[in-house]
Each structure stands twice: as structure tokens, then as C-alpha cells.
Amino acid sequence: MHTVVSSKGQVVIPLKIREEMDLSPGELLEVSLHGQSLILSKNESGLDQWLMARKRRSALKKPLVVDRPEEMPPAPKL
């Protein structure tokens, strides 16, 4: 497969490869250079996965509940 580098240095990853790698818009990729080869890799750190999952959620499904309010310190007065 071939792709073209734009004047802004952007390239299009072909759909077939995006589907195979399960790439979605906004996903972070690691870019590295090995000799004359440019390598794009999915960034699979736990924090990145959590951030992407959080970004996809629009809101909490149920409200947060504090299960031990008596152990919480008092709120500071403003």
C-alpha cells in the first residue's frame, strides 16, 4: 500500500490498516525511526487506554456515592 505525505507532513493510514489495528480518531500513536523506516505503533500504556476510554464516555451512568461519609474530613470553609 502507498500513501502520500501532505504539505503539512500528514499521512493517511489506509482504512484496511486502521480497521486491522482498531485505530480510532484521536488515538495516540508512537512514531519512531529505524534506519530508513518510519514505524507507527499503538501506544498501549494503561494511562493512555484509560484516557481514551474516558474520552469516549459522555457522562457517568450513575451518580457517585460516598460509602463512608463519617470518615471524610470536613470541607474547608470558604
C-alpha atoms as a PDB file:
ATOM      1  CA  MET A   1       0.000   0.000   0.000  1.00  0.00           C
ATOM      2  CA  HIS A   2       1.083   3.567  -0.615  1.00  0.00           C
ATOM      3  CA  THR A   3       0.158   6.906   0.908  1.00  0.00           C
ATOM      4  CA  VAL A   4       1.289  10.488   0.272  1.00  0.00           C
ATOM      5  CA  VAL A   5       2.840  12.999   2.684  1.00  0.00           C
ATOM      6  CA  SER A   6       0.901  16.310   2.634  1.00  0.00           C
ATOM      7  CA  SER A   7       2.496  19.760   2.721  1.00  0.00           C
ATOM      8  CA  LYS A   8       1.783  19.755   6.487  1.00  0.00           C
ATOM      9  CA  GLY A   9       3.607  16.445   6.960  1.00  0.00           C
ATOM     10  CA  GLN A  10       0.360  14.486   7.400  1.00  0.00           C
ATOM     11  CA  VAL A  11      -0.264  10.997   6.038  1.00  0.00           C
ATOM     12  CA  VAL A  12      -3.458   8.984   5.681  1.00  0.00           C
ATOM     13  CA  ILE A  13      -3.404   5.488   7.177  1.00  0.00           C
ATOM     14  CA  PRO A  14      -5.389   3.273   4.793  1.00  0.00           C
ATOM     15  CA  LEU A  15      -8.781   2.102   6.069  1.00  0.00           C
ATOM     16  CA  LYS A  16      -7.837  -1.584   5.919  1.00  0.00           C
ATOM     17  CA  ILE A  17      -4.880  -0.996   8.288  1.00  0.00           C
ATOM     18  CA  ARG A  18      -6.933   1.271  10.610  1.00  0.00           C
ATOM     19  CA  GLU A  19      -9.551  -1.466  10.899  1.00  0.00           C
ATOM     20  CA  GLU A  20      -6.950  -4.221  11.476  1.00  0.00           C
ATOM     21  CA  MET A  21      -5.285  -2.191  14.238  1.00  0.00           C
ATOM     22  CA  ASP A  22      -8.599  -0.920  15.652  1.00  0.00           C
ATOM     23  CA  LEU A  23      -7.453   2.707  15.352  1.00  0.00           C
ATOM     24  CA  SER A  24      -9.947   5.441  16.131  1.00  0.00           C
ATOM     25  CA  PRO A  25      -9.794   9.227  15.624  1.00  0.00           C
ATOM     26  CA  GLY A  26      -7.709  10.973  18.268  1.00  0.00           C
ATOM     27  CA  GLU A  27      -5.807   7.818  19.234  1.00  0.00           C
ATOM     28  CA  LEU A  28      -2.161   8.332  20.164  1.00  0.00           C
ATOM     29  CA  LEU A  29       0.496   6.627  18.070  1.00  0.00           C
ATOM     30  CA  GLU A  30       4.184   6.213  18.862  1.00  0.00           C
ATOM     31  CA  VAL A  31       6.432   7.347  15.979  1.00  0.00           C
ATOM     32  CA  SER A  32       9.971   6.005  15.685  1.00  0.00           C
ATOM     33  CA  LEU A  33      12.674   5.867  13.048  1.00  0.00           C
ATOM     34  CA  HIS A  34      14.671   2.707  12.289  1.00  0.00           C
ATOM     35  CA  GLY A  35      17.189   3.353   9.504  1.00  0.00           C
ATOM     36  CA  GLN A  36      15.097   4.402   6.507  1.00  0.00           C
ATOM     37  CA  SER A  37      11.867   3.020   8.004  1.00  0.00           C
ATOM     38  CA  LEU A  38       9.253   5.050   9.848  1.00  0.00           C
ATOM     39  CA  ILE A  39       7.387   2.968  12.434  1.00  0.00           C
ATOM     40  CA  LEU A  40       3.934   3.866  13.813  1.00  0.00           C
ATOM     41  CA  SER A  41       2.887   1.847  16.869  1.00  0.00           C
ATOM     42  CA  LYS A  42      -0.215   1.878  19.029  1.00  0.00           C
ATOM     43  CA  ASN A  43       0.554   3.391  22.395  1.00  0.00           C
ATOM     44  CA  GLU A  44      -0.758   0.731  24.796  1.00  0.00           C
ATOM     45  CA  SER A  45       0.094   2.166  28.231  1.00  0.00           C
ATOM     46  CA  GLY A  46      -2.579   1.800  30.900  1.00  0.00           C
ATOM     47  CA  LEU A  47      -2.946   5.565  31.305  1.00  0.00           C
ATOM     48  CA  ASP A  48      -3.491   6.062  27.570  1.00  0.00           C
ATOM     49  CA  GLN A  49      -6.126   3.329  27.498  1.00  0.00           C
ATOM     50  CA  TRP A  50      -7.898   4.884  30.478  1.00  0.00           C
ATOM     51  CA  LEU A  51      -7.828   8.374  28.930  1.00  0.00           C
ATOM     52  CA  MET A  52      -9.227   7.134  25.627  1.00  0.00           C
ATOM     53  CA  ALA A  53     -11.975   5.168  27.367  1.00  0.00           C
ATOM     54  CA  ARG A  54     -12.811   8.218  29.497  1.00  0.00           C
ATOM     55  CA  LYS A  55     -12.922  10.430  26.399  1.00  0.00           C
ATOM     56  CA  ARG A  56     -15.450   8.098  24.752  1.00  0.00           C
ATOM     57  CA  ARG A  57     -17.825   8.306  27.744  1.00  0.00           C
ATOM     58  CA  SER A  58     -20.058  11.356  27.706  1.00  0.00           C
ATOM     59  CA  ALA A  59     -21.304  11.164  31.307  1.00  0.00           C
ATOM     60  CA  LEU A  60     -21.430   8.948  34.367  1.00  0.00           C
ATOM     61  CA  LYS A  61     -24.029   6.202  34.125  1.00  0.00           C
ATOM     62  CA  LYS A  62     -24.990   6.563  37.767  1.00  0.00           C
ATOM     63  CA  PRO A  63     -24.094   9.213  40.353  1.00  0.00           C
ATOM     64  CA  LEU A  64     -21.035   8.864  42.564  1.00  0.00           C
ATOM     65  CA  VAL A  65     -21.815   7.732  46.115  1.00  0.00           C
ATOM     66  CA  VAL A  66     -19.566   8.094  49.159  1.00  0.00           C
ATOM     67  CA  ASP A  67     -19.987   4.908  51.149  1.00  0.00           C
ATOM     68  CA  ARG A  68     -18.276   6.113  54.375  1.00  0.00           C
ATOM     69  CA  PRO A  69     -19.147   9.806  54.846  1.00  0.00           C
ATOM     70  CA  GLU A  70     -18.261   9.733  58.561  1.00  0.00           C
ATOM     71  CA  GLU A  71     -14.596   9.098  57.666  1.00  0.00           C
ATOM     72  CA  MET A  72     -14.373  12.051  55.320  1.00  0.00           C
ATOM     73  CA  PRO A  73     -12.667  15.186  56.636  1.00  0.00           C
ATOM     74  CA  PRO A  74     -14.855  18.264  56.941  1.00  0.00           C
ATOM     75  CA  ALA A  75     -14.929  20.561  53.936  1.00  0.00           C
ATOM     76  CA  PRO A  76     -12.880  23.747  54.371  1.00  0.00           C
ATOM     77  CA  LYS A  77     -14.854  26.949  54.907  1.00  0.00           C
ATOM     78  CA  LEU A  78     -14.551  29.497  52.145  1.00  0.00           C
END
